[in-house]
C-alpha atoms as a PDB file:
ATOM      1  CA  MET A   1      37.618 119.950 136.050  1.00  0.00           C
ATOM      2  CA  SER A   2      34.799 121.297 133.886  1.00  0.00           C
ATOM      3  CA  PHE A   3      32.062 118.678 133.769  1.00  0.00           C
ATOM      4  CA  HIS A   4      28.369 118.751 132.944  1.00  0.00           C
ATOM      5  CA  GLU A   5      26.290 116.146 134.776  1.00  0.00           C
ATOM      6  CA  VAL A   6      24.267 115.352 131.675  1.00  0.00           C
ATOM      7  CA  ARG A   7      24.199 112.119 129.675  1.00  0.00           C
ATOM      8  CA  PHE A   8      24.879 111.926 125.961  1.00  0.00           C
ATOM      9  CA  PRO A   9      21.612 110.727 124.356  1.00  0.00           C
ATOM     10  CA  ALA A  10      21.537 107.005 125.116  1.00  0.00           C
ATOM     11  CA  ASP A  11      19.806 106.153 121.854  1.00  0.00           C
ATOM     12  CA  LEU A  12      22.746 107.705 120.005  1.00  0.00           C
ATOM     13  CA  SER A  13      25.423 105.917 122.048  1.00  0.00           C
ATOM     14  CA  PHE A  14      23.676 102.622 121.288  1.00  0.00           C
ATOM     15  CA  GLY A  15      25.602 101.182 118.347  1.00  0.00           C
ATOM     16  CA  ALA A  16      28.732 103.213 119.037  1.00  0.00           C
ATOM     17  CA  LEU A  17      32.068 101.431 118.715  1.00  0.00           C
ATOM     18  CA  GLY A  18      34.447 101.490 121.649  1.00  0.00           C
ATOM     19  CA  GLY A  19      35.818  99.980 124.831  1.00  0.00           C
ATOM     20  CA  PRO A  20      38.756 100.018 127.257  1.00  0.00           C
ATOM     21  CA  GLU A  21      42.345 100.796 126.368  1.00  0.00           C
ATOM     22  CA  ARG A  22      45.529 100.497 128.394  1.00  0.00           C
ATOM     23  CA  ARG A  23      49.024 101.883 128.010  1.00  0.00           C
ATOM     24  CA  THR A  24      51.815  99.331 128.244  1.00  0.00           C
ATOM     25  CA  ASP A  25      55.522 100.005 127.781  1.00  0.00           C
ATOM     26  CA  VAL A  26      57.145  96.935 126.219  1.00  0.00           C
ATOM     27  CA  VAL A  27      60.947  96.640 126.187  1.00  0.00           C
ATOM     28  CA  GLU A  28      62.428  93.758 124.188  1.00  0.00           C
ATOM     29  CA  LEU A  29      65.703  92.563 125.693  1.00  0.00           C
ATOM     30  CA  THR A  30      68.639  91.290 123.656  1.00  0.00           C
ATOM     31  CA  SER A  31      67.897  87.816 125.021  1.00  0.00           C
ATOM     32  CA  GLY A  32      64.491  87.919 123.346  1.00  0.00           C
ATOM     33  CA  PHE A  33      62.612  88.217 126.606  1.00  0.00           C
ATOM     34  CA  GLU A  34      60.396  91.212 127.331  1.00  0.00           C
ATOM     35  CA  GLU A  35      59.869  93.589 130.214  1.00  0.00           C
ATOM     36  CA  ARG A  36      56.417  95.117 130.435  1.00  0.00           C
ATOM     37  CA  ASN A  37      55.263  97.989 132.629  1.00  0.00           C
ATOM     38  CA  THR A  38      52.362 100.407 132.653  1.00  0.00           C
ATOM     39  CA  PRO A  39      52.120 103.992 133.923  1.00  0.00           C
ATOM     40  CA  TRP A  40      48.335 103.635 134.212  1.00  0.00           C
ATOM     41  CA  ALA A  41      46.665 102.141 137.266  1.00  0.00           C
ATOM     42  CA  HIS A  42      43.306 102.220 135.480  1.00  0.00           C
ATOM     43  CA  SER A  43      42.148 101.645 131.929  1.00  0.00           C
ATOM     44  CA  ARG A  44      40.594 104.399 129.823  1.00  0.00           C
ATOM     45  CA  ARG A  45      37.732 104.008 127.388  1.00  0.00           C
ATOM     46  CA  ARG A  46      37.311 105.408 123.903  1.00  0.00           C
ATOM     47  CA  TYR A  47      34.236 105.468 121.690  1.00  0.00           C
ATOM     48  CA  ASP A  48      33.096 106.655 118.269  1.00  0.00           C
ATOM     49  CA  ALA A  49      29.724 108.347 118.676  1.00  0.00           C
ATOM     50  CA  GLY A  50      29.277 108.715 114.919  1.00  0.00           C
ATOM     51  CA  LEU A  51      28.404 105.052 114.488  1.00  0.00           C
ATOM     52  CA  GLY A  52      25.226 105.483 116.552  1.00  0.00           C
ATOM     53  CA  LEU A  53      23.736 108.046 114.154  1.00  0.00           C
ATOM     54  CA  ARG A  54      20.879 106.715 112.027  1.00  0.00           C
ATOM     55  CA  GLY A  55      19.185 109.769 110.563  1.00  0.00           C
ATOM     56  CA  LEU A  56      19.426 113.520 110.048  1.00  0.00           C
ATOM     57  CA  ASP A  57      17.556 114.165 113.296  1.00  0.00           C
ATOM     58  CA  ASP A  58      20.319 112.240 115.092  1.00  0.00           C
ATOM     59  CA  ILE A  59      22.909 114.531 113.537  1.00  0.00           C
ATOM     60  CA  ALA A  60      20.963 117.561 114.739  1.00  0.00           C
ATOM     61  CA  ALA A  61      20.824 116.105 118.269  1.00  0.00           C
ATOM     62  CA  LEU A  62      24.573 115.423 118.150  1.00  0.00           C
ATOM     63  CA  LEU A  63      25.359 118.978 117.037  1.00  0.00           C
ATOM     64  CA  ASP A  64      23.138 120.412 119.790  1.00  0.00           C
ATOM     65  CA  PHE A  65      24.947 118.332 122.396  1.00  0.00           C
ATOM     66  CA  TYR A  66      28.407 119.068 120.970  1.00  0.00           C
ATOM     67  CA  GLU A  67      27.872 122.830 120.862  1.00  0.00           C
ATOM     68  CA  ALA A  68      26.380 122.880 124.377  1.00  0.00           C
ATOM     69  CA  ARG A  69      29.556 121.183 125.646  1.00  0.00           C
ATOM     70  CA  ARG A  70      31.721 123.657 123.697  1.00  0.00           C
ATOM     71  CA  GLY A  71      33.465 120.790 121.968  1.00  0.00           C
ATOM     72  CA  GLN A  72      36.188 119.347 124.204  1.00  0.00           C
ATOM     73  CA  LEU A  73      35.726 121.946 126.950  1.00  0.00           C
ATOM     74  CA  TYR A  74      33.129 120.210 129.125  1.00  0.00           C
ATOM     75  CA  GLY A  75      32.937 116.560 130.042  1.00  0.00           C
ATOM     76  CA  PHE A  76      29.679 114.633 130.183  1.00  0.00           C
ATOM     77  CA  ARG A  77      28.159 111.240 130.983  1.00  0.00           C
ATOM     78  CA  TRP A  78      28.187 108.386 128.478  1.00  0.00           C
ATOM     79  CA  LYS A  79      26.226 105.135 128.622  1.00  0.00           C
ATOM     80  CA  ASP A  80      28.418 102.238 127.531  1.00  0.00           C
ATOM     81  CA  TRP A  81      25.807  99.705 126.476  1.00  0.00           C
ATOM     82  CA  ALA A  82      28.347  96.889 126.729  1.00  0.00           C
ATOM     83  CA  ASP A  83      29.250  97.670 130.347  1.00  0.00           C
ATOM     84  CA  TYR A  84      26.908  99.781 132.471  1.00  0.00           C
ATOM     85  CA  LYS A  85      25.837  97.500 135.322  1.00  0.00           C
ATOM     86  CA  SER A  86      27.423  96.058 138.459  1.00  0.00           C
ATOM     87  CA  CYS A  87      26.056  92.676 137.407  1.00  0.00           C
ATOM     88  CA  LYS A  88      25.761  90.653 134.206  1.00  0.00           C
ATOM     89  CA  PRO A  89      24.064  92.509 131.320  1.00  0.00           C
ATOM     90  CA  SER A  90      21.034  90.200 131.489  1.00  0.00           C
ATOM     91  CA  ALA A  91      20.474  90.736 135.243  1.00  0.00           C
ATOM     92  CA  GLN A  92      19.273  93.577 137.423  1.00  0.00           C
ATOM     93  CA  PRO A  93      21.666  95.192 139.926  1.00  0.00           C
ATOM     94  CA  GLY A  94      21.469  93.621 143.361  1.00  0.00           C
ATOM     95  CA  ARG A  95      22.843  94.665 146.724  1.00  0.00           C
ATOM     96  CA  ASN A  96      25.410  91.829 146.761  1.00  0.00           C
ATOM     97  CA  ASP A  97      26.848  92.411 143.271  1.00  0.00           C
ATOM     98  CA  GLN A  98      30.123  94.064 144.264  1.00  0.00           C
ATOM     99  CA  VAL A  99      32.082  94.006 147.512  1.00  0.00           C
ATOM    100  CA  ILE A 100      33.256  97.607 147.747  1.00  0.00           C
ATOM    101  CA  ALA A 101      34.960  97.574 151.159  1.00  0.00           C
ATOM    102  CA  HIS A 102      35.108  96.157 154.681  1.00  0.00           C
ATOM    103  CA  GLY A 103      34.135  98.227 157.669  1.00  0.00           C
ATOM    104  CA  ASP A 104      36.603  99.470 160.262  1.00  0.00           C
ATOM    105  CA  GLY A 105      34.118 100.864 162.755  1.00  0.00           C
ATOM    106  CA  ALA A 106      34.994 104.481 161.943  1.00  0.00           C
ATOM    107  CA  THR A 107      34.842 105.088 158.176  1.00  0.00           C
ATOM    108  CA  ARG A 108      31.414 106.012 156.794  1.00  0.00           C
ATOM    109  CA  THR A 109      32.257 106.928 153.176  1.00  0.00           C
ATOM    110  CA  PHE A 110      33.326 104.442 150.514  1.00  0.00           C
ATOM    111  CA  GLN A 111      33.996 104.532 146.768  1.00  0.00           C
ATOM    112  CA  LEU A 112      31.771 102.459 144.511  1.00  0.00           C
ATOM    113  CA  VAL A 113      33.852  99.979 142.510  1.00  0.00           C
ATOM    114  CA  LYS A 114      33.362  97.211 139.989  1.00  0.00           C
ATOM    115  CA  SER A 115      35.673  94.191 139.915  1.00  0.00           C
ATOM    116  CA  TYR A 116      36.696  92.342 136.754  1.00  0.00           C
ATOM    117  CA  ARG A 117      38.016  88.824 137.309  1.00  0.00           C
ATOM    118  CA  SER A 118      39.605  86.109 135.205  1.00  0.00           C
ATOM    119  CA  GLY A 119      41.223  83.177 136.965  1.00  0.00           C
ATOM    120  CA  VAL A 120      43.273  84.408 139.912  1.00  0.00           C
ATOM    121  CA  ALA A 121      43.743  87.878 138.389  1.00  0.00           C
ATOM    122  CA  SER A 122      41.391  90.782 138.994  1.00  0.00           C
ATOM    123  CA  TYR A 123      41.071  94.525 138.430  1.00  0.00           C
ATOM    124  CA  GLN A 124      39.003  96.929 140.541  1.00  0.00           C
ATOM    125  CA  ARG A 125      37.562  99.883 138.647  1.00  0.00           C
ATOM    126  CA  PRO A 126      36.398 103.000 140.515  1.00  0.00           C
ATOM    127  CA  ILE A 127      32.833 103.939 139.597  1.00  0.00           C
ATOM    128  CA  THR A 128      32.432 107.704 139.744  1.00  0.00           C
ATOM    129  CA  LYS A 129      29.162 108.289 137.880  1.00  0.00           C
ATOM    130  CA  PRO A 130      26.390 106.063 139.277  1.00  0.00           C
ATOM    131  CA  VAL A 131      22.916 106.527 137.823  1.00  0.00           C
ATOM    132  CA  LEU A 132      20.219 108.166 139.908  1.00  0.00           C
ATOM    133  CA  GLY A 133      17.906 105.724 141.668  1.00  0.00           C
ATOM    134  CA  THR A 134      19.865 102.562 140.803  1.00  0.00           C
ATOM    135  CA  VAL A 135      22.212 102.197 143.783  1.00  0.00           C
ATOM    136  CA  VAL A 136      21.371  99.464 146.296  1.00  0.00           C
ATOM    137  CA  ALA A 137      23.616  98.439 149.185  1.00  0.00           C
ATOM    138  CA  ALA A 138      24.065  95.983 152.007  1.00  0.00           C
ATOM    139  CA  VAL A 139      26.194  95.641 155.128  1.00  0.00           C
ATOM    140  CA  GLN A 140      26.945  92.016 155.986  1.00  0.00           C
ATOM    141  CA  ASP A 141      24.047  91.094 153.641  1.00  0.00           C
ATOM    142  CA  ASP A 142      21.597  93.301 155.566  1.00  0.00           C
ATOM    143  CA  GLU A 143      19.800  95.561 153.093  1.00  0.00           C
ATOM    144  CA  MET A 144      20.430  99.282 153.520  1.00  0.00           C
ATOM    145  CA  LEU A 145      17.951 101.862 152.215  1.00  0.00           C
ATOM    146  CA  GLU A 146      19.083 104.957 150.310  1.00  0.00           C
ATOM    147  CA  GLY A 147      17.923 108.088 152.083  1.00  0.00           C
ATOM    148  CA  VAL A 148      17.572 106.174 155.350  1.00  0.00           C
ATOM    149  CA  HIS A 149      20.834 104.301 155.936  1.00  0.00           C
ATOM    150  CA  PHE A 150      23.061 105.834 153.260  1.00  0.00           C
ATOM    151  CA  GLY A 151      23.372 108.549 150.641  1.00  0.00           C
ATOM    152  CA  VAL A 152      25.120 108.571 147.261  1.00  0.00           C
ATOM    153  CA  ASP A 153      27.066 111.376 145.600  1.00  0.00           C
ATOM    154  CA  LEU A 154      26.178 110.944 141.921  1.00  0.00           C
ATOM    155  CA  ALA A 155      29.076 113.196 140.838  1.00  0.00           C
ATOM    156  CA  THR A 156      31.807 111.165 142.571  1.00  0.00           C
ATOM    157  CA  GLY A 157      30.424 107.690 143.226  1.00  0.00           C
ATOM    158  CA  LEU A 158      30.962 108.015 146.972  1.00  0.00           C
ATOM    159  CA  ILE A 159      28.453 106.242 149.208  1.00  0.00           C
ATOM    160  CA  THR A 160      28.138 107.516 152.768  1.00  0.00           C
ATOM    161  CA  PHE A 161      26.436 105.588 155.564  1.00  0.00           C
ATOM    162  CA  VAL A 162      24.639 107.266 158.438  1.00  0.00           C
ATOM    163  CA  GLU A 163      26.462 104.967 160.858  1.00  0.00           C
ATOM    164  CA  ALA A 164      29.953 103.581 160.293  1.00  0.00           C
ATOM    165  CA  PRO A 165      29.832  99.838 159.490  1.00  0.00           C
ATOM    166  CA  LEU A 166      31.359  97.687 162.205  1.00  0.00           C
ATOM    167  CA  SER A 167      34.931  96.480 161.892  1.00  0.00           C
ATOM    168  CA  GLY A 168      35.377  93.557 159.526  1.00  0.00           C
ATOM    169  CA  VAL A 169      31.851  93.517 158.071  1.00  0.00           C
ATOM    170  CA  GLU A 170      31.433  93.246 154.309  1.00  0.00           C
ATOM    171  CA  ILE A 171      29.988  96.226 152.459  1.00  0.00           C
ATOM    172  CA  SER A 172      28.458  95.491 149.076  1.00  0.00           C
ATOM    173  CA  ALA A 173      26.511  97.397 146.441  1.00  0.00           C
ATOM    174  CA  GLY A 174      24.785  97.121 143.099  1.00  0.00           C
ATOM    175  CA  PHE A 175      24.209  99.911 140.588  1.00  0.00           C
ATOM    176  CA  GLU A 176      24.061 101.175 137.033  1.00  0.00           C
ATOM    177  CA  PHE A 177      26.687 103.679 135.995  1.00  0.00           C
ATOM    178  CA  ASP A 178      27.868 106.030 133.257  1.00  0.00           C
ATOM    179  CA  VAL A 179      31.383 106.747 132.003  1.00  0.00           C
ATOM    180  CA  PRO A 180      32.771 110.296 132.415  1.00  0.00           C
ATOM    181  CA  VAL A 181      33.943 111.396 128.968  1.00  0.00           C
ATOM    182  CA  ARG A 182      34.577 114.352 126.688  1.00  0.00           C
ATOM    183  CA  PHE A 183      34.670 114.832 122.954  1.00  0.00           C
ATOM    184  CA  ASP A 184      38.159 114.136 121.624  1.00  0.00           C
ATOM    185  CA  THR A 185      37.994 116.617 118.763  1.00  0.00           C
ATOM    186  CA  ASP A 186      37.413 120.313 118.206  1.00  0.00           C
ATOM    187  CA  ARG A 187      35.867 119.656 114.803  1.00  0.00           C
ATOM    188  CA  ILE A 188      32.950 117.610 113.488  1.00  0.00           C
ATOM    189  CA  ASN A 189      32.677 117.274 109.731  1.00  0.00           C
ATOM    190  CA  VAL A 190      29.176 116.454 108.530  1.00  0.00           C
ATOM    191  CA  SER A 191      28.105 115.990 104.919  1.00  0.00           C
ATOM    192  CA  VAL A 192      24.413 115.273 104.455  1.00  0.00           C
ATOM    193  CA  ALA A 193      25.086 113.731 101.049  1.00  0.00           C
ATOM    194  CA  SER A 194      27.745 111.421 102.466  1.00  0.00           C
ATOM    195  CA  PHE A 195      25.548 110.505 105.429  1.00  0.00           C
ATOM    196  CA  LYS A 196      22.683 109.509 103.149  1.00  0.00           C
ATOM    197  CA  ALA A 197      25.172 107.401 101.199  1.00  0.00           C
ATOM    198  CA  GLY A 198      26.059 105.498 104.359  1.00  0.00           C
ATOM    199  CA  GLN A 199      29.172 107.384 105.506  1.00  0.00           C
ATOM    200  CA  VAL A 200      28.860 108.519 109.121  1.00  0.00           C
ATOM    201  CA  PRO A 201      30.941 111.335 110.643  1.00  0.00           C
ATOM    202  CA  ASP A 202      33.839 110.496 112.928  1.00  0.00           C
ATOM    203  CA  VAL A 203      32.957 111.641 116.452  1.00  0.00           C
ATOM    204  CA  PRO A 204      35.642 110.451 118.902  1.00  0.00           C
ATOM    205  CA  VAL A 205      34.867 110.394 122.624  1.00  0.00           C
ATOM    206  CA  VAL A 206      37.418 109.625 125.355  1.00  0.00           C
ATOM    207  CA  GLU A 207      37.087 108.875 129.073  1.00  0.00           C
ATOM    208  CA  VAL A 208      38.350 111.458 131.535  1.00  0.00           C
ATOM    209  CA  ARG A 209      39.612 111.090 135.102  1.00  0.00           C
ATOM    210  CA  VAL A 210      37.366 112.639 137.718  1.00  0.00           C
END
């Protein structure tokens, strides 16, 4: 997949409207009951980048970024200000934020994940675009140092330990992360007069699988 490891300007994504979507097939039975199924194992996020534009310089920055990505052709990183940490928004990522796996004594590479919980239900989201310098990790609560005990692939979200964690031990991590996205349009319509009047262009962005 064509992807540029560059982040959309974070000051422009601040104020953007968006969030997760899911696809659910709902079949209403003659009895009035429903059957619900989904073909998606994971949610997908959509955003409107136009709502983050505040001035003509922002429009120029958007057009530079859009043209450099060739419209929809190349994916890029997006900071979702509502959900970009392994912890609560008010906290700093810590090594015990997310349990990502349990050791088996042989496996050294694990996918970063973030869990969402409500009651007894939960959903585990793969994190594929961690942010440079933010990943911290622990094995059975013992702090591991990046570059000494483990390395992180920032393009895939895979964390690899120098030595395989022992069988049954808990592996945890904390991090900041971006969302892999692309523009969801081959056209951006900008009117300076309309923008000055308070009408922002529609700039749809959609998450991509990587």
